[in-house]
């Protein structure tokens, strides 16, 4: 990570248009990120207005995954608001990702025209890119591959078509990311892994990316003692607790619980929530099928049961902070991921992670912040024991790393990037001096 000293432009008031279809109270990681970033930028003195879906509490609204006029709406808001920078939180599905099953060159979103026509400097934060195997995995629908022999042939055909559609559009999706990178004055990613994936290890393209870690910090005025946090959720005090929560989609890896032998001195606390907008089919947003879920309902006696389901649904930031303080580690057995806000949130509360051995998680495991393993129940069970035995070593490294994750620090890095872009585009001589490197 790069740190900056800001001299000349401490009081330079920038006008930013933050664009994110998803925005609170809509549940979802992209919206939550956009809200926390916006709040951090405002605290630093910048003027920020948000354009989002009509269900979100932004300053402007109207963009939607199904709206073919997204580009026009963004451009109209730019004409009215006249920002210095347009900052796009890019998750293609949130702007209407369309894939052609026969001609992949037709892949498009409802903001492609905006990128071509916008004359205001654009900064894009990329929230997703995938290796081929994970990209195809987004089309996996276990409910289509059930044991009902009457519908099995039809369902199998649907699954094969879904796989094929993903497969032939893979290159086009990567190209779409690179095109938006080239049409942006700067591009932000949460990890070096994601930058290399989008740039396809092209050194020239890699220079267009700035790595700014996903911000994360507790949403409480002061740290909460573990005993108090556990009492808030009626959780056992006599065992270590591993936390596993997220949307009810197969990509989160809920099936790993079915055969995991949880160590005797541990309990697994889980919480599942509905996906994204809830009112439209998730397949139109991110390729996930809302029927594609694994439900766990057991709670039993919380003092003795190994899996405790909170059944709370989507949690507020404050509720989530209390839950993190109640736990000891986070479990992330994802089948697909470009990045994980949950991982950063857990780290911000001092929790090491155990995750599937995917490229994103591997980058942070190499920093000594957690463990990656093969996505097998017994591997996760062994990792829980290993992490527990060396717990203090992980938490010490996490404590140092967390200094980079505060939203004020993330906002400071964005401010540096904004003024750098304006200096290149408007001839403003900025005064940004890097004094430390990763």
Protein backbone atom coordinates (compact mmCIF):
# COMPACT_ATOMS: atom_id res chain seq x y z
CA UNK A 1 0.00 0.00 0.00
CA UNK A 2 1.14 3.56 -0.71
CA UNK A 3 0.86 6.24 1.97
CA UNK A 4 0.79 9.95 1.13
CA UNK A 5 1.54 13.33 2.61
CA UNK A 6 -0.91 15.97 1.38
CA UNK A 7 0.22 19.61 1.59
CA UNK A 8 -1.19 21.99 -0.95
CA UNK A 9 -4.59 20.38 -1.36
CA UNK A 10 -5.71 19.73 2.23
CA UNK A 11 -8.51 22.26 1.73
CA UNK A 12 -9.11 21.63 -1.95
CA UNK A 13 -12.82 20.85 -2.14
CA UNK A 14 -13.51 18.20 -4.75
CA UNK A 15 -16.95 17.34 -6.12
CA UNK A 16 -17.33 13.60 -6.58
CA UNK A 17 -20.24 11.76 -8.16
CA UNK A 18 -20.29 8.26 -6.65
CA UNK A 19 -22.16 5.79 -8.87
CA UNK A 20 -23.34 2.48 -7.42
CA UNK A 21 -26.61 0.79 -8.38
CA UNK A 22 -26.57 -0.93 -5.00
CA UNK A 23 -26.69 1.42 -2.00
CA UNK A 24 -28.13 1.09 1.53
CA UNK A 25 -30.71 0.19 2.64
CA UNK A 26 -30.33 -2.28 -0.28
CA UNK A 27 -28.32 -5.17 1.23
CA UNK A 28 -25.10 -6.08 -0.53
CA UNK A 29 -21.35 -5.70 -0.31
CA UNK A 30 -20.90 -3.18 -3.15
CA UNK A 31 -23.50 -0.82 -1.71
CA UNK A 32 -22.13 -1.10 1.80
CA UNK A 33 -18.64 -0.37 0.50
CA UNK A 34 -19.87 2.67 -1.47
CA UNK A 35 -21.65 4.04 1.62
CA UNK A 36 -18.65 3.69 3.93
CA UNK A 37 -16.31 5.17 1.32
CA UNK A 38 -18.68 8.09 0.72
CA UNK A 39 -18.88 8.80 4.45
CA UNK A 40 -15.08 8.72 4.71
CA UNK A 41 -14.66 11.09 1.77
CA UNK A 42 -17.17 13.51 3.29
CA UNK A 43 -15.35 13.48 6.63
CA UNK A 44 -12.18 14.47 4.77
CA UNK A 45 -13.96 17.55 3.39
CA UNK A 46 -14.97 16.44 -0.09
CA UNK A 47 -18.39 17.01 -1.61
CA UNK A 48 -19.85 13.65 -2.61
CA UNK A 49 -23.25 12.94 -4.17
CA UNK A 50 -24.45 9.38 -4.82
CA UNK A 51 -26.36 8.07 -7.84
CA UNK A 52 -28.01 4.70 -7.15
CA UNK A 53 -31.10 2.53 -7.55
CA UNK A 54 -34.40 4.06 -6.41
CA UNK A 55 -34.46 1.64 -3.46
CA UNK A 56 -31.23 3.14 -2.11
CA UNK A 57 -30.94 6.39 -0.17
CA UNK A 58 -28.63 8.28 -2.50
CA UNK A 59 -28.84 11.85 -3.76
CA UNK A 60 -29.86 10.83 -7.27
CA UNK A 61 -31.55 7.62 -8.38
CA UNK A 62 -32.81 5.78 -11.45
CA UNK A 63 -30.08 3.32 -12.46
CA UNK A 64 -31.03 -0.33 -12.27
CA UNK A 65 -29.72 -3.67 -13.61
CA UNK A 66 -32.76 -3.85 -15.92
CA UNK A 67 -32.68 -0.21 -17.07
CA UNK A 68 -31.40 0.21 -20.62
CA UNK A 69 -31.13 3.96 -20.03
CA UNK A 70 -28.47 3.78 -17.30
CA UNK A 71 -25.89 5.60 -19.43
CA UNK A 72 -28.24 8.50 -20.19
CA UNK A 73 -29.22 8.83 -16.55
CA UNK A 74 -25.59 9.03 -15.44
CA UNK A 75 -24.76 11.60 -18.11
CA UNK A 76 -27.84 13.69 -17.22
CA UNK A 77 -26.83 13.71 -13.54
CA UNK A 78 -23.31 14.77 -14.53
CA UNK A 79 -24.77 17.71 -16.48
CA UNK A 80 -26.81 18.74 -13.44
CA UNK A 81 -24.25 18.13 -10.68
CA UNK A 82 -21.05 19.02 -12.65
CA UNK A 83 -18.61 16.86 -10.65
CA UNK A 84 -14.81 16.96 -10.90
CA UNK A 85 -14.66 13.16 -10.85
CA UNK A 86 -17.17 10.40 -11.65
CA UNK A 87 -16.39 7.35 -9.54
CA UNK A 88 -17.99 4.11 -10.73
CA UNK A 89 -18.32 1.13 -8.39
CA UNK A 90 -18.19 -1.51 -11.11
CA UNK A 91 -19.85 -4.87 -10.67
CA UNK A 92 -21.07 -5.56 -14.21
CA UNK A 93 -24.21 -7.40 -13.16
CA UNK A 94 -25.41 -4.40 -11.17
CA UNK A 95 -25.62 -2.41 -14.40
CA UNK A 96 -27.24 -5.13 -16.49
CA UNK A 97 -24.75 -7.69 -17.82
CA UNK A 98 -26.03 -9.23 -21.06
CA UNK A 99 -24.35 -12.30 -22.54
CA UNK A 100 -25.09 -13.77 -25.95
CA UNK A 101 -25.22 -17.58 -26.13
CA UNK A 102 -24.19 -17.62 -29.81
CA UNK A 103 -22.17 -14.43 -30.38
CA UNK A 104 -20.01 -13.47 -27.36
CA UNK A 105 -18.91 -10.24 -29.05
CA UNK A 106 -22.38 -8.92 -28.19
CA UNK A 107 -21.68 -8.98 -24.45
CA UNK A 108 -22.67 -5.61 -23.01
CA UNK A 109 -23.93 -3.66 -20.01
CA UNK A 110 -26.25 -0.70 -19.68
CA UNK A 111 -23.39 1.71 -18.95
CA UNK A 112 -21.16 1.03 -21.96
CA UNK A 113 -22.29 4.21 -23.71
CA UNK A 114 -21.55 6.25 -20.60
CA UNK A 115 -17.90 5.17 -20.72
CA UNK A 116 -17.68 6.15 -24.39
CA UNK A 117 -19.37 9.55 -24.07
CA UNK A 118 -18.39 10.86 -20.64
CA UNK A 119 -16.06 13.89 -20.78
CA UNK A 120 -15.58 14.11 -17.01
CA UNK A 121 -12.60 12.11 -15.64
CA UNK A 122 -13.73 8.60 -14.64
CA UNK A 123 -12.31 6.51 -11.84
CA UNK A 124 -13.47 2.89 -11.73
CA UNK A 125 -13.31 0.54 -8.76
CA UNK A 126 -13.40 -3.02 -10.09
CA UNK A 127 -15.27 -5.42 -7.82
CA UNK A 128 -14.98 -8.58 -9.92
CA UNK A 129 -12.89 -10.60 -12.34
CA UNK A 130 -12.52 -14.37 -12.43
CA UNK A 131 -10.30 -17.20 -13.60
CA UNK A 132 -12.13 -19.36 -16.15
CA UNK A 133 -13.08 -22.12 -13.71
CA UNK A 134 -14.67 -19.70 -11.23
CA UNK A 135 -16.41 -17.77 -14.01
CA UNK A 136 -18.09 -20.93 -15.27
CA UNK A 137 -18.88 -21.88 -11.66
CA UNK A 138 -21.17 -18.86 -11.40
CA UNK A 139 -23.64 -20.78 -13.59
CA UNK A 140 -23.76 -23.84 -11.37
CA UNK A 141 -27.34 -24.62 -10.31
CA UNK A 142 -27.49 -27.68 -8.00
CA UNK A 143 -31.31 -27.56 -8.09
CA UNK A 144 -31.11 -28.35 -11.81
CA UNK A 145 -29.06 -31.45 -11.14
CA UNK A 146 -31.30 -33.12 -8.56
CA UNK A 147 -32.40 -36.75 -8.46
CA UNK A 148 -35.85 -36.25 -9.95
CA UNK A 149 -35.61 -38.56 -12.96
CA UNK A 150 -38.67 -37.04 -14.62
CA UNK A 151 -37.18 -33.58 -14.99
CA UNK A 152 -33.49 -34.55 -14.94
CA UNK A 153 -32.91 -34.63 -18.74
CA UNK A 154 -34.50 -31.18 -19.18
CA UNK A 155 -32.66 -29.71 -16.21
CA UNK A 156 -29.36 -31.20 -17.34
CA UNK A 157 -29.83 -29.54 -20.73
CA UNK A 158 -30.47 -26.18 -19.03
CA UNK A 159 -27.32 -26.58 -16.95
CA UNK A 160 -25.20 -27.46 -19.98
CA UNK A 161 -26.54 -24.42 -21.84
CA UNK A 162 -25.76 -22.21 -18.83
CA UNK A 163 -22.19 -23.54 -18.69
CA UNK A 164 -21.74 -23.07 -22.43
CA UNK A 165 -23.03 -19.51 -22.32
CA UNK A 166 -20.56 -18.65 -19.57
CA UNK A 167 -17.70 -20.42 -21.32
CA UNK A 168 -18.00 -18.66 -24.67
CA UNK A 169 -18.45 -15.24 -22.99
CA UNK A 170 -15.41 -15.51 -20.74
CA UNK A 171 -13.04 -13.71 -23.06
CA UNK A 172 -15.63 -11.02 -23.76
CA UNK A 173 -16.14 -10.38 -20.04
CA UNK A 174 -12.40 -9.95 -19.55
CA UNK A 175 -12.28 -7.65 -22.56
CA UNK A 176 -15.15 -5.57 -21.13
CA UNK A 177 -13.17 -5.09 -17.91
CA UNK A 178 -10.04 -4.07 -19.82
CA UNK A 179 -12.00 -1.66 -22.02
CA UNK A 180 -13.45 0.11 -19.00
CA UNK A 181 -10.00 0.20 -17.45
CA UNK A 182 -8.63 1.92 -20.56
CA UNK A 183 -11.51 4.43 -20.65
CA UNK A 184 -10.95 5.32 -16.99
CA UNK A 185 -8.39 7.88 -15.90
CA UNK A 186 -7.56 5.59 -12.97
CA UNK A 187 -8.63 2.13 -11.81
CA UNK A 188 -8.86 0.81 -8.26
CA UNK A 189 -8.75 -2.81 -7.07
CA UNK A 190 -8.69 -4.36 -3.59
CA UNK A 191 -5.78 -6.71 -4.25
CA UNK A 192 -2.77 -7.24 -6.48
CA UNK A 193 -4.38 -10.53 -7.47
CA UNK A 194 -7.36 -8.75 -9.04
CA UNK A 195 -5.15 -6.24 -10.86
CA UNK A 196 -3.10 -9.03 -12.43
CA UNK A 197 -6.24 -10.95 -13.36
CA UNK A 198 -7.83 -8.01 -15.19
CA UNK A 199 -4.57 -6.89 -16.78
CA UNK A 200 -3.76 -10.51 -17.67
CA UNK A 201 -0.27 -9.86 -16.29
CA UNK A 202 0.40 -7.23 -18.96
CA UNK A 203 2.91 -4.85 -17.34
CA UNK A 204 1.62 -1.80 -19.24
CA UNK A 205 -1.97 -2.45 -18.16
CA UNK A 206 -0.92 -3.15 -14.57
CA UNK A 207 0.38 0.40 -14.28
CA UNK A 208 -3.19 1.66 -14.70
CA UNK A 209 -4.25 0.05 -11.41
CA UNK A 210 -4.00 1.37 -7.88
CA UNK A 211 -4.42 -1.13 -5.06
CA UNK A 212 -6.44 0.37 -2.20
CA UNK A 213 -7.59 -2.21 0.30
CA UNK A 214 -11.29 -2.53 1.06
CA UNK A 215 -11.89 -0.35 4.14
CA UNK A 216 -13.15 -1.98 7.32
CA UNK A 217 -13.48 -1.04 10.96
CA UNK A 218 -15.77 -1.79 13.89
CA UNK A 219 -19.10 0.02 13.90
CA UNK A 220 -19.06 0.58 17.67
CA UNK A 221 -17.69 3.48 19.71
CA UNK A 222 -15.30 1.16 21.53
CA UNK A 223 -14.24 -2.50 21.36
CA UNK A 224 -16.70 -4.90 22.97
CA UNK A 225 -15.56 -7.58 25.38
CA UNK A 226 -16.09 -11.10 24.08
CA UNK A 227 -18.32 -12.05 27.04
CA UNK A 228 -20.68 -9.14 26.42
CA UNK A 229 -20.78 -9.78 22.67
CA UNK A 230 -21.61 -13.45 23.18
CA UNK A 231 -24.33 -12.67 25.68
CA UNK A 232 -25.93 -10.36 23.10
CA UNK A 233 -26.41 -13.38 20.81
CA UNK A 234 -26.86 -16.01 23.56
CA UNK A 235 -23.68 -17.79 22.46
CA UNK A 236 -21.66 -20.22 24.61
CA UNK A 237 -18.85 -18.77 26.72
CA UNK A 238 -16.93 -22.02 27.19
CA UNK A 239 -15.85 -22.68 23.58
CA UNK A 240 -14.03 -20.98 20.74
CA UNK A 241 -16.34 -19.83 17.94
CA UNK A 242 -15.87 -19.92 14.17
CA UNK A 243 -18.17 -17.61 12.20
CA UNK A 244 -19.67 -18.38 8.78
CA UNK A 245 -22.23 -16.04 7.25
CA UNK A 246 -23.34 -14.52 3.97
CA UNK A 247 -25.90 -14.62 1.17
CA UNK A 248 -27.67 -17.89 0.48
CA UNK A 249 -25.86 -18.73 -2.76
CA UNK A 250 -23.75 -21.74 -3.65
CA UNK A 251 -20.70 -19.52 -4.28
CA UNK A 252 -20.36 -18.97 -0.53
CA UNK A 253 -19.76 -22.70 -0.04
CA UNK A 254 -22.49 -23.55 2.46
CA UNK A 255 -22.29 -27.22 1.51
CA UNK A 256 -18.97 -27.56 3.35
CA UNK A 257 -20.92 -27.64 6.63
CA UNK A 258 -22.65 -30.88 5.74
CA UNK A 259 -19.59 -33.03 6.45
CA UNK A 260 -17.30 -30.86 8.56
CA UNK A 261 -16.08 -32.48 11.76
CA UNK A 262 -15.98 -29.41 14.01
CA UNK A 263 -13.42 -29.82 16.84
CA UNK A 264 -14.97 -30.53 20.26
CA UNK A 265 -13.86 -27.26 21.85
CA UNK A 266 -15.30 -25.20 18.97
CA UNK A 267 -18.76 -24.13 17.80
CA UNK A 268 -19.75 -22.91 14.34
CA UNK A 269 -22.05 -19.88 14.32
CA UNK A 270 -23.82 -19.29 11.00
CA UNK A 271 -26.18 -16.66 9.63
CA UNK A 272 -27.67 -16.56 6.14
CA UNK A 273 -29.45 -13.74 4.36
CA UNK A 274 -31.37 -13.11 1.15
CA UNK A 275 -29.41 -12.00 -1.89
CA UNK A 276 -29.11 -8.38 -3.02
CA UNK A 277 -32.32 -6.62 -4.12
CA UNK A 278 -34.60 -9.52 -3.10
CA UNK A 279 -37.28 -8.21 -5.45
CA UNK A 280 -35.73 -9.28 -8.77
CA UNK A 281 -34.13 -12.50 -9.87
CA UNK A 282 -30.49 -12.60 -8.76
CA UNK A 283 -29.62 -14.25 -12.07
CA UNK A 284 -30.19 -10.86 -13.69
CA UNK A 285 -27.71 -9.33 -11.28
CA UNK A 286 -24.85 -11.69 -10.66
CA UNK A 287 -25.63 -14.99 -12.35
CA UNK A 288 -26.82 -16.64 -9.13
CA UNK A 289 -30.14 -18.47 -8.82
CA UNK A 290 -32.13 -17.41 -5.76
CA UNK A 291 -33.47 -20.98 -5.48
CA UNK A 292 -29.90 -22.16 -5.27
CA UNK A 293 -29.49 -22.10 -1.52
CA UNK A 294 -28.52 -24.38 1.34
CA UNK A 295 -30.65 -23.77 4.43
CA UNK A 296 -29.46 -24.62 7.92
CA UNK A 297 -32.08 -24.27 10.64
CA UNK A 298 -30.61 -26.05 13.66
CA UNK A 299 -29.98 -24.11 16.85
CA UNK A 300 -30.73 -26.67 19.57
CA UNK A 301 -29.07 -26.03 22.94
CA UNK A 302 -26.48 -23.35 22.21
CA UNK A 303 -24.26 -24.60 25.03
CA UNK A 304 -23.70 -27.98 23.36
CA UNK A 305 -24.65 -27.92 19.67
CA UNK A 306 -21.75 -27.57 17.25
CA UNK A 307 -23.67 -25.55 14.64
CA UNK A 308 -25.65 -22.58 15.90
CA UNK A 309 -27.80 -20.77 13.33
CA UNK A 310 -28.69 -17.24 14.37
CA UNK A 311 -31.46 -17.00 11.75
CA UNK A 312 -31.18 -13.20 11.86
CA UNK A 313 -31.11 -12.53 8.10
CA UNK A 314 -29.28 -9.42 6.89
CA UNK A 315 -27.41 -7.74 9.75
CA UNK A 316 -26.83 -4.03 10.27
CA UNK A 317 -23.23 -2.83 10.59
CA UNK A 318 -23.63 -2.51 14.36
CA UNK A 319 -25.12 -6.01 14.71
CA UNK A 320 -22.31 -7.38 12.56
CA UNK A 321 -19.65 -5.70 14.71
CA UNK A 322 -21.09 -7.27 17.85
CA UNK A 323 -21.12 -10.68 16.15
CA UNK A 324 -17.49 -10.34 15.04
CA UNK A 325 -16.45 -9.46 18.59
CA UNK A 326 -18.27 -12.58 19.81
CA UNK A 327 -16.22 -14.88 17.54
CA UNK A 328 -12.61 -16.01 17.24
CA UNK A 329 -12.15 -16.78 13.52
CA UNK A 330 -14.03 -16.42 10.22
CA UNK A 331 -14.66 -19.32 7.83
CA UNK A 332 -14.73 -18.52 4.09
CA UNK A 333 -15.19 -21.75 2.09
CA UNK A 334 -16.14 -19.86 -1.09
CA UNK A 335 -16.27 -21.60 -4.45
CA UNK A 336 -15.94 -18.29 -6.31
CA UNK A 337 -14.60 -14.90 -5.25
CA UNK A 338 -12.97 -11.80 -6.69
CA UNK A 339 -12.59 -10.26 -3.25
CA UNK A 340 -14.20 -10.46 0.14
CA UNK A 341 -15.45 -7.52 2.17
CA UNK A 342 -16.30 -10.08 4.86
CA UNK A 343 -12.63 -11.03 5.15
CA UNK A 344 -11.62 -7.39 5.61
CA UNK A 345 -14.40 -6.84 8.16
CA UNK A 346 -13.26 -9.87 10.13
CA UNK A 347 -9.64 -8.70 10.08
CA UNK A 348 -10.74 -5.27 11.31
CA UNK A 349 -12.19 -6.98 14.38
CA UNK A 350 -9.04 -9.04 14.94
CA UNK A 351 -10.29 -12.34 13.48
CA UNK A 352 -7.96 -14.53 11.40
CA UNK A 353 -9.56 -16.37 8.48
CA UNK A 354 -9.65 -19.89 7.07
CA UNK A 355 -10.58 -19.81 3.38
CA UNK A 356 -10.68 -21.88 0.23
CA UNK A 357 -7.38 -21.81 -1.65
CA UNK A 358 -8.41 -19.14 -4.17
CA UNK A 359 -6.12 -16.47 -5.58
CA UNK A 360 -7.57 -13.55 -3.62
CA UNK A 361 -7.41 -15.30 -0.24
CA UNK A 362 -3.95 -16.66 -0.98
CA UNK A 363 -2.57 -13.10 -1.27
CA UNK A 364 -3.62 -12.28 2.30
CA UNK A 365 -2.75 -15.69 3.73
CA UNK A 366 0.78 -15.01 2.47
CA UNK A 367 0.79 -11.95 4.74
CA UNK A 368 0.17 -14.25 7.70
CA UNK A 369 -3.42 -13.09 8.28
CA UNK A 370 -5.08 -16.46 7.83
CA UNK A 371 -4.90 -19.91 6.26
CA UNK A 372 -6.01 -21.21 2.85
CA UNK A 373 -6.86 -24.87 2.33
CA UNK A 374 -8.36 -27.18 -0.27
CA UNK A 375 -12.15 -26.89 -0.18
CA UNK A 376 -12.70 -30.13 1.72
CA UNK A 377 -14.45 -30.45 5.10
CA UNK A 378 -11.55 -32.28 6.74
CA UNK A 379 -9.06 -29.64 5.54
CA UNK A 380 -11.10 -26.88 7.15
CA UNK A 381 -11.39 -28.90 10.37
CA UNK A 382 -7.60 -29.39 10.50
CA UNK A 383 -7.03 -25.70 9.79
CA UNK A 384 -9.25 -24.71 12.72
CA UNK A 385 -6.99 -26.71 15.04
CA UNK A 386 -3.83 -25.28 13.45
CA UNK A 387 -5.04 -21.71 13.68
CA UNK A 388 -6.16 -22.21 17.27
CA UNK A 389 -2.73 -23.52 18.24
CA UNK A 390 -0.96 -20.47 16.76
CA UNK A 391 -3.67 -17.90 17.40
CA UNK A 392 -1.52 -15.17 18.98
CA UNK A 393 0.86 -15.07 16.00
CA UNK A 394 -2.01 -14.38 13.60
CA UNK A 395 -3.71 -11.75 15.75
CA UNK A 396 -0.45 -9.85 16.21
CA UNK A 397 0.05 -9.56 12.42
CA UNK A 398 -3.61 -8.61 11.99
CA UNK A 399 -3.29 -5.80 14.53
CA UNK A 400 -0.54 -4.21 12.42
CA UNK A 401 -2.37 -4.75 9.14
CA UNK A 402 -5.60 -3.17 10.42
CA UNK A 403 -4.05 0.30 10.47
CA UNK A 404 -4.37 0.32 6.69
CA UNK A 405 -8.07 -0.54 6.72
CA UNK A 406 -9.61 2.47 8.48
CA UNK A 407 -12.06 4.32 6.26
CA UNK A 408 -10.27 7.61 6.89
CA UNK A 409 -7.05 6.08 5.57
CA UNK A 410 -8.90 4.65 2.56
CA UNK A 411 -10.47 8.09 1.92
CA UNK A 412 -7.03 9.72 2.13
CA UNK A 413 -5.70 7.38 -0.56
CA UNK A 414 -8.72 8.10 -2.75
CA UNK A 415 -8.17 11.84 -2.30
CA UNK A 416 -4.57 11.42 -3.42
CA UNK A 417 -5.69 9.53 -6.51
CA UNK A 418 -8.45 12.03 -7.33
CA UNK A 419 -6.09 15.03 -7.21
CA UNK A 420 -3.46 13.14 -9.18
CA UNK A 421 -6.02 12.45 -11.92
CA UNK A 422 -7.15 16.07 -11.96
CA UNK A 423 -3.54 17.19 -12.17
CA UNK A 424 -3.05 15.07 -15.28
CA UNK A 425 -6.36 16.13 -16.85
CA UNK A 426 -6.57 19.80 -15.92
CA UNK A 427 -2.95 20.81 -15.54
CA UNK A 428 -3.24 21.20 -11.77
CA UNK A 429 0.16 20.68 -10.21
CA UNK A 430 -0.56 18.45 -7.26
CA UNK A 431 1.59 18.10 -4.19
CA UNK A 432 1.48 14.39 -3.45
CA UNK A 433 4.71 12.89 -2.19
CA UNK A 434 4.89 9.17 -1.56
CA UNK A 435 6.94 8.53 1.55
CA UNK A 436 6.37 4.81 2.00
CA UNK A 437 5.82 1.82 -0.21
CA UNK A 438 4.41 -1.63 0.46
